[in-house]
Amino acid sequence: MATFTRGKVFGVVFVLILLYILNKSIVMNMENSTLRAKLLRFQFSCIIMSGMTLICCYLWRNLSTVLDSTQDKVHSETESNEWRLFIDFKDIREWRSYTINAAISRLLLAAVLISSLFSYSSFSFLIAINPYKLAIWLFLALAVTIQLFTAVVFLKIVNLILRLGGRKKTRTFSKLSKIQQISAFVYAMLIVMFGYINAQQPPTIKEVTIPVEGLPENLERLSITFVSDIHLGPTNGMDRLKKIINMINYLNSDMVIIGGDLVDGRVDQLHDAAVPISWINSKYGTYFVTGNHEYYTTDAENWLVKLKSLGVIPLHNINVKISADKGQTGICLAGVDDPTADQYKFGDHTMDLDGALGSCDVESPVILVAHQPKAAQAALQSKHRVDLVLSGHTHGGQFFPLIIPAYLMNPFYAGLYRHGDHSHVYVSQGTLFASIPIRFGTTMEITRIFLTQA
């Protein structure tokens, strides 16, 4: 069995190496940018599926015996020393030997783990005007799987610490006790339950006042409604978008900015669901920049065309002048493509700071919309004047434990930051959520920004 376990791990490693070779030698040299993006997305799906398969096997090994009794002792002893797939034909043949509790617990765990493996397929098959219940179930199963894995890893570390401290005489990676197994399930269900309830609430309206050096007097208290990371797709549909648009219009701001990751599907999947975007009202217009997920859809260019038809102005490495009266000094509002475009080599899409900022009047305040905080950092370190950067992307991590990498991997995590003497960065935690309908420890927000003279 140990050989079988190593074989599975080596198989996954072999697939990853093969994908890397294919990516470098063939895929990245393709002239058709759309086909290249689709193949890169397929490769990413394979990596996700491989990793999730290993995680599911690990969870099955550690948690499938949670409701076993003494009558199930033979099975429990076997499973404690094996890495197994979800379906073991020996178990199927001997299913009558399990107690009812043991059989039901295995069935439920298998249903959750298998469902989580198919969650990513929702982007291809389960996108409609409003979410399918099946899509919501698949992503909730993924949320439970993530939380179970978090709990098991945490409990294993606790066991290791106790062993090293001499308080527990067990092997380093021994199976969890019955209480620990039950605790893992209780923890996961509570996090997912409360996280799901939170995610169904409307986003919070946050008001932020930001001083801007050189702001014209006639633009004092200029109001901007900033939304980001709506993720229209498998688990966010038109009904949810309508509520967001109604909240935006209720604020009646001078300008509306959509900071990327608006969609998680192609135009042909979401053209009807996106219609409410045309309802947005604003004095100086509605603006949009691409996020990484627009490129994951492999349909970024068509989305720019679609949004134009809905009255939205894409800031595709360009800038526009915002002024109270024509001919007067105003604000240079600029936007850049997400850096994911450079990874996908998607047509003429690229993060071009010179193109976006180069023609801005050096005497005018500059507001840059850049989806990722890393792009914000690059802009602030460039030769160009940048007074304010509006970003999203991080979701604040969305839920634990993703909060940790979101904080560590981004130069700006969430909220308002001051950079240098005159510049600021504001990072939204996202207006909705990315696919997994969970919010725990983070806030969905619509941000109303007021600009004042510094």
Protein backbone atom coordinates (compact mmCIF):
# COMPACT_ATOMS: atom_id res chain seq x y z
CA MET A 1 0.00 0.00 0.00
CA ALA A 2 2.90 2.36 0.71
CA THR A 3 4.07 1.71 -2.86
CA PHE A 4 0.57 2.54 -4.13
CA THR A 5 0.59 5.76 -2.12
CA ARG A 6 3.96 6.82 -3.50
CA GLY A 7 2.73 5.87 -6.97
CA LYS A 8 -0.18 8.30 -6.72
CA VAL A 9 2.05 11.12 -5.51
CA PHE A 10 4.61 10.45 -8.25
CA GLY A 11 1.77 10.33 -10.78
CA VAL A 12 0.59 13.79 -9.76
CA VAL A 13 4.15 15.14 -9.88
CA PHE A 14 4.62 13.62 -13.34
CA VAL A 15 1.43 15.29 -14.61
CA LEU A 16 2.55 18.67 -13.24
CA ILE A 17 5.98 18.36 -14.86
CA LEU A 18 4.41 17.32 -18.17
CA LEU A 19 2.04 20.30 -18.06
CA TYR A 20 4.94 22.64 -17.34
CA ILE A 21 6.92 21.30 -20.32
CA LEU A 22 3.90 21.55 -22.63
CA ASN A 23 3.23 25.06 -21.36
CA LYS A 24 6.75 26.32 -22.01
CA SER A 25 7.40 24.55 -25.31
CA ILE A 26 4.02 24.68 -27.06
CA VAL A 27 1.20 26.58 -25.39
CA MET A 28 2.97 29.88 -24.69
CA ASN A 29 4.21 30.01 -28.31
CA MET A 30 0.74 29.77 -29.86
CA GLU A 31 -0.32 32.75 -31.95
CA ASN A 32 -4.03 32.32 -31.17
CA SER A 33 -4.34 34.11 -27.83
CA THR A 34 -7.86 32.79 -27.11
CA LEU A 35 -6.84 29.15 -27.66
CA ARG A 36 -3.70 29.74 -25.59
CA ALA A 37 -5.78 31.15 -22.73
CA LYS A 38 -8.17 28.19 -22.87
CA LEU A 39 -5.32 25.69 -22.73
CA LEU A 40 -3.75 27.54 -19.80
CA ARG A 41 -7.10 27.43 -18.03
CA PHE A 42 -7.32 23.69 -18.72
CA GLN A 43 -3.85 23.20 -17.28
CA PHE A 44 -4.84 25.17 -14.20
CA SER A 45 -7.93 22.97 -13.84
CA CYS A 46 -5.74 19.84 -13.97
CA ILE A 47 -3.49 21.23 -11.24
CA ILE A 48 -6.49 22.10 -9.04
CA MET A 49 -8.04 18.65 -9.57
CA SER A 50 -4.74 16.90 -8.77
CA GLY A 51 -4.26 18.85 -5.56
CA MET A 52 -7.89 18.39 -4.51
CA THR A 53 -7.70 14.65 -5.15
CA LEU A 54 -4.76 14.33 -2.76
CA ILE A 55 -6.51 16.47 -0.15
CA CYS A 56 -9.69 14.38 -0.42
CA CYS A 57 -7.71 11.14 -0.03
CA TYR A 58 -6.01 12.59 3.03
CA LEU A 59 -9.32 13.59 4.59
CA TRP A 60 -10.87 10.20 3.86
CA ARG A 61 -7.99 8.47 5.57
CA ASN A 62 -8.29 10.63 8.66
CA LEU A 63 -12.03 11.16 9.02
CA SER A 64 -13.94 8.26 7.45
CA THR A 65 -13.93 6.33 10.76
CA VAL A 66 -15.55 9.12 12.75
CA LEU A 67 -18.69 7.13 13.66
CA ASP A 68 -17.15 3.65 13.70
CA SER A 69 -17.98 1.45 16.66
CA THR A 70 -16.16 -1.60 18.02
CA GLN A 71 -17.98 -3.65 15.38
CA ASP A 72 -16.16 -1.69 12.70
CA LYS A 73 -12.75 -2.25 14.30
CA VAL A 74 -11.32 -4.27 11.41
CA HIS A 75 -12.12 -1.55 8.90
CA SER A 76 -10.82 1.19 11.19
CA GLU A 77 -7.48 -0.51 11.72
CA THR A 78 -7.09 -1.01 8.00
CA GLU A 79 -7.93 2.56 7.11
CA SER A 80 -5.59 4.06 9.68
CA ASN A 81 -2.62 2.74 7.72
CA GLU A 82 -3.77 3.37 4.16
CA TRP A 83 -4.09 6.18 1.71
CA ARG A 84 -7.27 5.32 -0.13
CA LEU A 85 -9.46 6.62 -2.90
CA PHE A 86 -13.13 7.30 -2.19
CA ILE A 87 -14.40 3.99 -3.52
CA ASP A 88 -12.78 0.79 -2.34
CA PHE A 89 -14.38 -2.24 -4.01
CA LYS A 90 -13.63 -4.31 -0.93
CA ASP A 91 -15.72 -1.91 1.13
CA ILE A 92 -18.56 -2.15 -1.39
CA ARG A 93 -18.53 -5.93 -1.22
CA GLU A 94 -18.50 -5.87 2.57
CA TRP A 95 -20.82 -2.92 3.15
CA ARG A 96 -23.16 -5.08 5.26
CA SER A 97 -20.42 -5.47 7.87
CA TYR A 98 -20.59 -1.76 8.76
CA THR A 99 -22.94 -0.45 11.39
CA ILE A 100 -25.58 2.00 10.11
CA ASN A 101 -23.77 4.99 11.66
CA ALA A 102 -20.43 4.02 10.09
CA ALA A 103 -22.00 3.47 6.67
CA ILE A 104 -23.93 6.76 6.73
CA SER A 105 -20.90 8.77 7.87
CA ARG A 106 -18.82 7.31 5.04
CA LEU A 107 -21.56 8.00 2.52
CA LEU A 108 -21.94 11.64 3.59
CA LEU A 109 -18.19 12.27 3.69
CA ALA A 110 -17.77 10.69 0.26
CA ALA A 111 -20.61 12.85 -1.13
CA VAL A 112 -18.94 16.05 0.14
CA LEU A 113 -15.45 15.13 -1.05
CA ILE A 114 -16.55 13.95 -4.48
CA SER A 115 -18.74 17.03 -4.93
CA SER A 116 -15.83 19.31 -4.09
CA LEU A 117 -13.82 17.73 -6.90
CA PHE A 118 -16.42 18.80 -9.45
CA SER A 119 -16.85 22.36 -8.18
CA TYR A 120 -14.43 23.84 -10.70
CA SER A 121 -16.40 22.29 -13.59
CA SER A 122 -19.23 24.70 -12.70
CA PHE A 123 -17.46 27.43 -14.69
CA SER A 124 -18.02 25.43 -17.87
CA PHE A 125 -21.42 23.81 -17.34
CA LEU A 126 -23.35 25.51 -14.53
CA ILE A 127 -23.54 29.21 -15.34
CA ALA A 128 -26.99 30.71 -15.89
CA ILE A 129 -28.88 33.98 -15.34
CA ASN A 130 -29.22 32.97 -11.69
CA PRO A 131 -27.24 30.26 -9.89
CA TYR A 132 -28.19 26.60 -10.13
CA LYS A 133 -28.66 24.94 -6.74
CA LEU A 134 -26.23 22.25 -7.87
CA ALA A 135 -23.49 24.87 -8.39
CA ILE A 136 -24.08 26.28 -4.91
CA TRP A 137 -23.92 22.77 -3.42
CA LEU A 138 -20.66 21.98 -5.22
CA PHE A 139 -18.96 25.12 -3.94
CA LEU A 140 -20.34 24.62 -0.42
CA ALA A 141 -18.87 21.11 -0.54
CA LEU A 142 -15.55 22.70 -1.55
CA ALA A 143 -15.84 25.07 1.43
CA VAL A 144 -16.46 22.15 3.80
CA THR A 145 -13.49 20.28 2.31
CA ILE A 146 -11.20 23.27 2.81
CA GLN A 147 -12.32 23.69 6.43
CA LEU A 148 -11.98 19.96 7.17
CA PHE A 149 -8.46 20.00 5.76
CA THR A 150 -7.64 23.08 7.86
CA ALA A 151 -8.94 21.39 11.00
CA VAL A 152 -7.13 18.09 10.37
CA VAL A 153 -3.80 19.81 9.67
CA PHE A 154 -4.21 21.93 12.81
CA LEU A 155 -5.00 18.88 14.96
CA LYS A 156 -2.06 16.97 13.49
CA ILE A 157 0.24 19.85 14.42
CA VAL A 158 -1.19 19.84 17.96
CA ASN A 159 -0.56 16.09 18.20
CA LEU A 160 2.99 16.58 16.94
CA ILE A 161 3.67 19.31 19.52
CA LEU A 162 2.26 17.12 22.29
CA ARG A 163 4.39 14.21 21.12
CA LEU A 164 7.55 16.29 20.99
CA GLY A 165 6.72 17.60 24.46
CA GLY A 166 6.42 14.06 25.74
CA ARG A 167 2.74 14.40 26.63
CA LYS A 168 1.50 12.06 23.94
CA LYS A 169 3.18 8.77 23.07
CA THR A 170 2.06 8.29 19.49
CA ARG A 171 3.51 8.37 16.05
CA THR A 172 3.88 11.79 14.49
CA PHE A 173 1.13 11.26 11.96
CA SER A 174 -1.09 8.85 13.89
CA LYS A 175 -4.81 8.93 13.22
CA LEU A 176 -6.94 11.42 15.07
CA SER A 177 -8.85 10.48 18.17
CA LYS A 178 -12.62 10.20 18.04
CA ILE A 179 -13.03 13.55 19.82
CA GLN A 180 -10.63 15.23 17.39
CA GLN A 181 -12.48 13.81 14.39
CA ILE A 182 -15.82 15.05 15.68
CA SER A 183 -14.26 18.43 16.51
CA ALA A 184 -13.04 18.75 12.91
CA PHE A 185 -16.54 18.16 11.56
CA VAL A 186 -18.17 20.54 14.05
CA TYR A 187 -15.64 23.26 13.26
CA ALA A 188 -16.08 22.88 9.50
CA MET A 189 -19.88 22.90 9.64
CA LEU A 190 -20.03 25.95 11.91
CA ILE A 191 -17.63 27.98 9.74
CA VAL A 192 -19.46 27.07 6.55
CA MET A 193 -22.93 27.61 8.04
CA PHE A 194 -22.20 31.06 9.50
CA GLY A 195 -20.06 31.97 6.49
CA TYR A 196 -22.90 31.12 4.11
CA ILE A 197 -25.38 33.16 6.15
CA ASN A 198 -22.99 36.15 6.08
CA ALA A 199 -22.50 35.81 2.33
CA GLN A 200 -26.24 36.07 1.72
CA GLN A 201 -26.42 39.50 3.37
CA PRO A 202 -26.15 42.70 1.32
CA PRO A 203 -22.69 44.30 1.20
CA THR A 204 -21.84 46.97 3.74
CA ILE A 205 -21.60 50.56 2.52
CA LYS A 206 -18.27 51.99 3.66
CA GLU A 207 -17.55 55.71 3.47
CA VAL A 208 -13.96 56.85 3.17
CA THR A 209 -12.60 60.39 2.85
CA ILE A 210 -9.25 60.67 1.08
CA PRO A 211 -7.18 63.89 0.80
CA VAL A 212 -5.78 64.53 -2.68
CA GLU A 213 -3.08 67.09 -3.32
CA GLY A 214 -3.97 69.62 -5.99
CA LEU A 215 -7.64 68.67 -6.14
CA PRO A 216 -9.50 71.51 -7.93
CA GLU A 217 -11.87 73.51 -5.77
CA ASN A 218 -14.83 72.71 -7.96
CA LEU A 219 -14.23 68.97 -7.39
CA GLU A 220 -14.10 69.23 -3.60
CA ARG A 221 -16.06 66.34 -2.07
CA LEU A 222 -16.21 64.53 -5.41
CA SER A 223 -17.90 61.21 -4.64
CA ILE A 224 -16.89 57.86 -6.15
CA THR A 225 -18.76 54.60 -5.69
CA PHE A 226 -16.17 51.86 -5.95
CA VAL A 227 -17.18 48.22 -6.40
CA SER A 228 -14.90 45.31 -7.10
CA ASP A 229 -14.94 41.50 -7.28
CA ILE A 230 -18.63 40.97 -7.99
CA HIS A 231 -17.85 37.62 -9.67
CA LEU A 232 -20.98 37.18 -11.73
CA GLY A 233 -20.93 33.45 -12.48
CA PRO A 234 -21.86 30.05 -11.01
CA THR A 235 -22.92 31.35 -7.57
CA ASN A 236 -23.73 35.03 -8.24
CA GLY A 237 -26.46 35.83 -10.71
CA MET A 238 -28.63 38.61 -12.07
CA ASP A 239 -30.87 38.88 -8.99
CA ARG A 240 -27.85 39.54 -6.80
CA LEU A 241 -26.44 41.99 -9.35
CA LYS A 242 -29.73 43.94 -9.42
CA LYS A 243 -29.47 44.52 -5.67
CA ILE A 244 -25.91 45.78 -6.06
CA ILE A 245 -26.92 48.17 -8.86
CA ASN A 246 -29.83 49.48 -6.78
CA MET A 247 -27.45 50.19 -3.90
CA ILE A 248 -25.03 51.96 -6.27
CA ASN A 249 -27.80 54.17 -7.62
CA TYR A 250 -29.09 54.89 -4.12
CA LEU A 251 -25.70 56.41 -3.25
CA ASN A 252 -26.01 58.72 -6.27
CA SER A 253 -22.27 59.30 -6.52
CA ASP A 254 -20.60 61.50 -9.10
CA MET A 255 -18.71 58.57 -10.58
CA VAL A 256 -18.85 54.76 -10.46
CA ILE A 257 -15.78 52.55 -10.81
CA ILE A 258 -15.81 48.76 -11.23
CA GLY A 259 -12.40 47.52 -10.18
CA GLY A 260 -12.18 44.17 -11.97
CA ASP A 261 -13.29 40.56 -11.45
CA LEU A 262 -16.78 41.48 -12.53
CA VAL A 263 -17.40 38.09 -14.16
CA ASP A 264 -16.51 34.43 -13.90
CA GLY A 265 -17.90 33.35 -17.24
CA ARG A 266 -17.94 34.14 -20.94
CA VAL A 267 -20.20 36.72 -22.58
CA ASP A 268 -22.31 34.00 -24.22
CA GLN A 269 -22.95 32.54 -20.74
CA LEU A 270 -23.71 35.81 -18.92
CA HIS A 271 -24.95 38.33 -21.50
CA ASP A 272 -28.47 38.40 -20.00
CA ALA A 273 -27.29 38.33 -16.39
CA ALA A 274 -25.08 41.38 -17.02
CA VAL A 275 -27.89 43.59 -18.38
CA PRO A 276 -28.58 45.41 -15.04
CA ILE A 277 -25.15 47.04 -15.33
CA SER A 278 -26.75 49.37 -17.90
CA TRP A 279 -28.99 50.75 -15.13
CA ILE A 280 -26.09 52.49 -13.34
CA ASN A 281 -26.49 56.26 -13.10
CA SER A 282 -23.55 58.60 -12.53
CA LYS A 283 -22.70 62.19 -13.38
CA TYR A 284 -19.21 61.59 -14.76
CA GLY A 285 -19.68 58.04 -16.04
CA THR A 286 -19.07 54.41 -15.09
CA TYR A 287 -15.59 52.97 -15.58
CA PHE A 288 -14.10 49.47 -15.58
CA VAL A 289 -10.73 47.75 -15.50
CA THR A 290 -10.05 44.07 -16.02
CA GLY A 291 -9.18 41.73 -13.17
CA ASN A 292 -7.50 38.35 -13.28
CA HIS A 293 -10.84 36.54 -13.59
CA GLU A 294 -11.74 38.34 -16.80
CA TYR A 295 -8.71 36.63 -18.30
CA TYR A 296 -9.55 33.29 -16.69
CA THR A 297 -12.80 33.39 -18.68
CA THR A 298 -10.66 33.57 -21.87
CA ASP A 299 -13.19 36.15 -23.10
CA ALA A 300 -11.79 39.47 -21.87
CA GLU A 301 -11.96 41.26 -25.22
CA ASN A 302 -15.61 40.37 -25.75
CA TRP A 303 -16.39 41.59 -22.24
CA LEU A 304 -14.93 45.00 -23.06
CA VAL A 305 -17.21 45.18 -26.09
CA LYS A 306 -20.20 44.02 -24.05
CA LEU A 307 -19.59 46.54 -21.28
CA LYS A 308 -19.32 49.38 -23.80
CA SER A 309 -22.76 48.39 -25.09
CA LEU A 310 -24.03 48.64 -21.50
CA GLY A 311 -22.72 52.19 -21.10
CA VAL A 312 -19.52 51.35 -19.23
CA ILE A 313 -16.18 52.88 -20.24
CA PRO A 314 -13.30 50.36 -20.10
CA LEU A 315 -10.01 51.90 -18.99
CA HIS A 316 -7.91 49.62 -21.21
CA ASN A 317 -4.50 51.19 -20.42
CA ILE A 318 -5.93 54.63 -21.06
CA ASN A 319 -6.98 57.69 -19.06
CA VAL A 320 -9.80 60.19 -19.15
CA LYS A 321 -10.07 63.71 -17.79
CA ILE A 322 -12.71 64.34 -15.13
CA SER A 323 -13.55 68.02 -14.69
CA ALA A 324 -16.52 69.98 -13.40
CA ASP A 325 -16.44 72.29 -16.40
CA LYS A 326 -14.94 71.77 -19.83
CA GLY A 327 -11.54 73.33 -20.27
CA GLN A 328 -10.86 73.59 -16.55
CA THR A 329 -8.29 71.65 -14.57
CA GLY A 330 -9.56 68.30 -13.46
CA ILE A 331 -8.53 64.80 -12.43
CA CYS A 332 -6.75 62.27 -14.59
CA LEU A 333 -8.58 58.98 -14.13
CA ALA A 334 -6.49 56.09 -15.47
CA GLY A 335 -6.81 52.33 -15.57
CA VAL A 336 -4.49 49.43 -16.40
CA ASP A 337 -5.11 45.86 -17.47
CA ASP A 338 -4.55 43.21 -14.85
CA PRO A 339 -1.03 41.68 -14.91
CA THR A 340 -2.63 38.28 -15.58
CA ALA A 341 -2.94 39.50 -19.18
CA ASP A 342 0.86 39.36 -19.43
CA GLN A 343 0.89 35.76 -18.19
CA TYR A 344 -1.78 34.74 -20.71
CA LYS A 345 -0.35 36.93 -23.51
CA PHE A 346 -3.92 37.83 -24.37
CA GLY A 347 -3.97 39.90 -27.57
CA ASP A 348 -3.01 43.53 -26.95
CA HIS A 349 -3.84 43.25 -23.26
CA THR A 350 -0.97 44.02 -20.91
CA MET A 351 -0.34 46.02 -17.76
CA ASP A 352 0.92 49.17 -19.48
CA LEU A 353 1.54 51.89 -16.89
CA ASP A 354 3.17 54.19 -19.45
CA GLY A 355 0.16 53.91 -21.73
CA ALA A 356 -2.27 54.57 -18.90
CA LEU A 357 -0.40 57.36 -17.12
CA GLY A 358 1.99 58.84 -19.68
CA SER A 359 -0.47 61.37 -21.10
CA CYS A 360 -1.80 62.59 -17.74
CA ASP A 361 -1.22 66.28 -16.99
CA VAL A 362 1.58 66.42 -14.41
CA GLU A 363 -0.23 69.30 -12.71
CA SER A 364 -3.45 67.31 -12.26
CA PRO A 365 -4.20 64.77 -9.53
CA VAL A 366 -4.05 61.19 -10.82
CA ILE A 367 -6.36 58.40 -9.77
CA LEU A 368 -5.34 54.96 -11.01
CA VAL A 369 -7.61 51.90 -11.02
CA ALA A 370 -5.53 48.71 -10.87
CA HIS A 371 -7.19 45.47 -9.82
CA GLN A 372 -4.32 43.85 -7.94
CA PRO A 373 -2.44 45.52 -5.05
CA LYS A 374 0.79 44.33 -6.69
CA ALA A 375 -0.07 46.49 -9.70
CA ALA A 376 -0.78 49.36 -7.31
CA GLN A 377 2.67 48.93 -5.79
CA ALA A 378 4.30 48.91 -9.25
CA ALA A 379 2.49 52.14 -10.15
CA LEU A 380 3.56 53.89 -6.95
CA GLN A 381 7.15 52.88 -7.61
CA SER A 382 7.05 54.11 -11.21
CA LYS A 383 8.15 57.50 -12.55
CA HIS A 384 4.55 58.66 -12.92
CA ARG A 385 2.54 60.81 -10.56
CA VAL A 386 -0.09 58.71 -8.77
CA ASP A 387 -2.15 60.29 -6.00
CA LEU A 388 -4.64 57.49 -5.38
CA VAL A 389 -4.84 53.85 -6.43
CA LEU A 390 -8.08 51.89 -6.18
CA SER A 391 -7.65 48.12 -6.01
CA GLY A 392 -9.51 44.96 -5.05
CA HIS A 393 -8.53 41.33 -5.65
CA THR A 394 -7.72 40.24 -2.09
CA HIS A 395 -11.31 39.80 -0.79
CA GLY A 396 -9.61 40.25 2.58
CA GLY A 397 -9.02 36.52 2.16
CA GLN A 398 -12.81 35.91 2.15
CA PHE A 399 -12.62 33.33 4.95
CA PHE A 400 -10.15 31.58 7.22
CA PRO A 401 -7.60 30.16 6.46
CA LEU A 402 -7.37 32.03 3.13
CA ILE A 403 -7.10 35.25 5.14
CA ILE A 404 -3.50 34.33 5.98
CA PRO A 405 -2.08 34.00 2.42
CA ALA A 406 -4.17 36.99 1.28
CA TYR A 407 -2.46 39.10 3.95
CA LEU A 408 1.04 37.74 3.36
CA MET A 409 1.02 37.71 -0.45
CA ASN A 410 -0.23 41.23 -1.13
CA PRO A 411 1.63 44.50 -0.44
CA PHE A 412 -1.72 46.08 0.48
CA TYR A 413 -4.33 43.85 2.10
CA ALA A 414 -7.55 45.77 2.79
CA GLY A 415 -8.65 49.33 3.54
CA LEU A 416 -6.85 52.65 3.20
CA TYR A 417 -3.06 52.98 3.11
CA ARG A 418 -0.86 56.04 2.94
CA HIS A 419 2.18 55.75 0.68
CA GLY A 420 4.91 58.35 0.89
CA ASP A 421 3.96 61.96 1.55
CA HIS A 422 1.01 62.39 -0.77
CA SER A 423 -0.22 59.08 -2.20
CA HIS A 424 -2.90 56.69 -0.97
CA VAL A 425 -4.06 53.18 -1.83
CA TYR A 426 -7.52 51.85 -1.12
CA VAL A 427 -8.10 48.10 -1.33
CA SER A 428 -11.69 46.87 -1.35
CA GLN A 429 -12.49 43.54 0.30
CA GLY A 430 -14.84 42.84 -2.59
CA THR A 431 -18.51 43.51 -3.19
CA LEU A 432 -19.57 39.85 -3.25
CA PHE A 433 -17.47 36.66 -3.20
CA ALA A 434 -15.40 34.49 -5.52
CA SER A 435 -17.49 31.38 -6.31
CA ILE A 436 -17.42 29.87 -2.81
CA PRO A 437 -20.49 31.46 -1.15
CA ILE A 438 -18.75 31.95 2.19
CA ARG A 439 -17.74 35.10 4.07
CA PHE A 440 -16.22 34.60 7.50
CA GLY A 441 -14.04 37.21 9.20
CA THR A 442 -14.21 39.53 6.20
CA THR A 443 -16.68 42.09 4.86
CA MET A 444 -18.42 42.48 1.53
CA GLU A 445 -18.42 46.16 0.70
CA ILE A 446 -19.54 48.93 -1.60
CA THR A 447 -17.18 51.82 -0.98
CA ARG A 448 -18.23 55.45 -1.22
CA ILE A 449 -15.11 57.61 -1.49
CA PHE A 450 -15.08 61.38 -0.98
CA LEU A 451 -12.10 63.32 -2.33
CA THR A 452 -11.01 66.44 -0.46
CA GLN A 453 -8.20 68.93 -0.91
CA ALA A 454 -5.06 67.91 0.94
